[in-house]
Protein backbone atom coordinates (compact mmCIF):
# COMPACT_ATOMS: atom_id res chain seq x y z
CA MET A 1 57.12 92.21 90.41
CA SER A 2 59.97 92.13 92.87
CA ASP A 3 60.11 89.99 95.98
CA ARG A 4 60.95 92.98 98.12
CA ARG A 5 60.58 96.71 97.51
CA ILE A 6 62.91 98.65 99.79
CA ILE A 7 62.28 102.38 100.15
CA VAL A 8 65.48 104.39 100.62
CA ARG A 9 64.75 107.68 102.36
CA MET A 10 66.90 110.80 102.58
CA ALA A 11 70.28 110.14 104.23
CA GLU A 12 69.64 106.38 104.15
CA LEU A 13 71.12 103.51 102.19
CA ALA A 14 70.14 99.93 101.44
CA VAL A 15 71.50 96.92 99.60
CA GLY A 16 69.64 94.06 98.05
CA GLN A 17 69.98 91.06 95.79
CA GLY A 18 68.07 89.00 93.27
CA ASP A 19 64.51 90.23 92.87
CA ASP A 20 64.85 93.07 95.40
CA GLU A 21 63.98 96.54 94.17
CA LEU A 22 65.49 99.65 95.77
CA VAL A 23 63.44 102.85 95.38
CA THR A 24 63.96 106.48 96.35
CA VAL A 25 61.35 109.15 95.77
CA GLY A 26 61.65 112.91 95.46
CA LEU A 27 65.32 113.42 94.65
CA GLY A 28 65.96 117.14 94.27
CA SER A 29 69.44 118.42 95.03
CA CYS A 30 70.20 115.11 96.78
CA VAL A 31 72.00 112.43 94.78
CA ALA A 32 71.18 108.75 94.59
CA ILE A 33 74.36 106.71 94.26
CA LEU A 34 73.44 103.37 92.71
CA LEU A 35 75.91 100.49 92.79
CA HIS A 36 75.51 97.17 91.01
CA ASP A 37 77.42 93.92 90.53
CA ALA A 38 75.80 92.11 87.59
CA GLU A 39 77.49 88.76 88.17
CA GLY A 40 76.61 88.73 91.88
CA ALA A 41 73.10 90.16 91.22
CA VAL A 42 73.67 92.58 94.11
CA GLY A 43 72.74 96.27 94.19
CA GLY A 44 72.97 99.21 96.54
CA MET A 45 71.44 102.67 96.75
CA ALA A 46 72.30 105.67 98.92
CA HIS A 47 70.20 108.86 99.06
CA VAL A 48 73.02 111.34 99.76
CA LEU A 49 72.08 114.67 101.32
CA LEU A 50 75.31 116.69 101.48
CA PRO A 51 78.64 116.77 99.60
CA SER A 52 80.94 116.85 102.63
CA ARG A 53 81.32 116.34 106.35
CA ALA A 54 82.05 120.07 106.75
CA LEU A 55 78.41 120.95 106.04
CA THR A 56 76.93 118.97 108.91
CA ARG A 57 77.47 118.86 112.64
CA HIS A 58 76.81 115.15 112.84
CA VAL A 59 77.51 112.35 110.42
CA ASP A 60 75.14 110.12 112.33
CA ARG A 61 74.13 108.23 109.20
CA PRO A 62 76.71 106.94 106.73
CA ALA A 63 74.43 107.74 103.77
CA LYS A 64 74.35 111.46 104.60
CA ILE A 65 77.58 112.11 102.61
CA PRO A 66 79.28 110.21 99.76
CA HIS A 67 82.55 109.73 101.69
CA THR A 68 80.87 107.34 104.11
CA ALA A 69 77.97 106.11 101.94
CA VAL A 70 80.08 104.47 99.22
CA PRO A 71 82.40 102.38 101.45
CA THR A 72 79.48 101.35 103.66
CA MET A 73 77.46 100.18 100.65
CA LEU A 74 80.45 98.32 99.21
CA GLU A 75 81.02 96.50 102.53
CA GLN A 76 77.36 95.50 102.75
CA MET A 77 77.28 94.40 99.10
CA VAL A 78 80.36 92.21 99.59
CA ARG A 79 78.52 90.44 102.43
CA LEU A 80 75.82 89.56 99.88
CA GLY A 81 78.35 88.16 97.40
CA ALA A 82 79.40 91.21 95.35
CA SER A 83 82.97 91.72 94.22
CA PRO A 84 84.24 95.32 94.42
CA ARG A 85 86.11 94.76 91.13
CA ARG A 86 82.81 94.15 89.30
CA VAL A 87 80.79 96.99 90.83
CA VAL A 88 79.65 99.83 88.58
CA ALA A 89 77.81 103.02 89.52
CA ARG A 90 75.08 105.30 88.26
CA LEU A 91 74.20 108.73 89.64
CA VAL A 92 70.73 110.28 89.71
CA GLY A 93 69.58 113.65 91.06
CA GLY A 94 71.69 116.66 91.88
CA ALA A 95 69.13 119.11 90.54
CA SER A 96 69.32 122.86 91.07
CA MET A 97 65.94 123.29 92.65
CA PHE A 98 66.24 126.89 93.83
CA THR A 99 68.50 128.67 91.36
CA ASN A 100 66.41 131.83 91.54
CA LEU A 101 67.21 132.16 95.27
CA SER A 102 71.01 132.14 94.96
CA ALA A 103 73.54 134.65 93.70
CA PRO A 104 74.61 134.35 90.04
CA GLY A 105 77.65 132.10 89.63
CA THR A 106 76.99 130.23 92.86
CA ILE A 107 77.69 126.51 92.68
CA GLN A 108 74.44 124.77 93.57
CA MET A 109 74.22 122.09 96.27
CA GLY A 110 73.02 119.54 93.71
CA GLU A 111 76.09 120.07 91.53
CA ARG A 112 78.34 119.85 94.59
CA ASN A 113 76.69 116.55 95.56
CA VAL A 114 77.30 115.11 92.08
CA VAL A 115 80.96 116.19 92.04
CA ALA A 116 81.56 114.74 95.52
CA ALA A 117 79.91 111.44 94.56
CA ARG A 118 82.07 111.15 91.42
CA GLN A 119 85.24 111.84 93.45
CA VAL A 120 84.44 109.19 96.04
CA LEU A 121 83.51 106.58 93.41
CA ASN A 122 86.75 107.32 91.55
CA ALA A 123 88.74 106.93 94.79
CA HIS A 124 87.15 103.47 95.23
CA ASN A 125 87.79 102.52 91.57
CA VAL A 126 84.06 102.26 90.80
CA PRO A 127 83.32 103.39 87.23
CA VAL A 128 80.26 105.58 86.64
CA ILE A 129 78.42 104.07 83.66
CA GLY A 130 75.35 106.30 83.62
CA GLU A 131 73.98 109.55 84.96
CA ALA A 132 70.68 111.41 85.09
CA VAL A 133 71.79 114.53 86.95
CA GLY A 134 71.25 118.27 87.01
CA GLY A 135 68.27 120.13 85.67
CA ASP A 136 65.67 121.85 87.82
CA PHE A 137 63.25 118.98 88.49
CA GLY A 138 62.84 116.15 90.97
CA ARG A 139 63.26 112.47 90.20
CA THR A 140 62.22 109.06 91.47
CA VAL A 141 64.60 106.17 90.85
CA ARG A 142 64.27 102.38 91.01
CA LEU A 143 67.10 99.83 90.91
CA ARG A 144 66.31 96.17 90.26
CA CYS A 145 69.14 94.40 92.06
CA GLY A 146 69.18 91.25 89.96
CA SER A 147 69.24 92.78 86.48
CA GLY A 148 70.75 96.15 87.37
CA ARG A 149 67.93 97.89 85.51
CA VAL A 150 67.58 101.51 86.59
CA GLU A 151 64.38 103.43 85.93
CA VAL A 152 64.27 107.20 86.44
CA SER A 153 60.90 108.92 86.44
CA THR A 154 59.97 112.59 86.54
CA VAL A 155 56.68 114.44 86.35
CA THR A 156 57.81 116.56 83.40
CA HIS A 157 60.03 114.14 81.45
CA GLY A 158 58.36 110.77 81.98
CA ILE A 159 60.24 107.51 82.55
CA THR A 160 63.68 106.68 81.18
CA GLU A 161 65.99 103.74 81.65
CA LEU A 162 69.54 104.49 82.68
């Protein structure tokens, strides 16, 4: 069991190290951006709500959008001993939860969140090494900061490691 379980709520982010475990529950169209530096045993998780600043009146929390979540997490991870050159990313979530309520051909918010997260990670030279995105179901995700192990669980599809 981990020393510390840190719950990351919507539009929040957290970093940890060693035996810390970062957890977010109930990802629908939101995207969890998971960062990890294996050598430094440092991890970070952001529960991103929206793809861009244009969709919100206030960016009062850096984790609300990928453009502020990723650099904030990287800064906090560096303080714990991570090296930006070693950091890798995984993306979880971005589901289309309400496809039956939107016009055909409409790009869903979940897909927009995933695309925005990929763009920001690319701009920061952070490679995406795994994804569990899309679909029409919610997810819970856990990141063990020391090992980098990522566990994604769903009601309908069980538990998988990413």
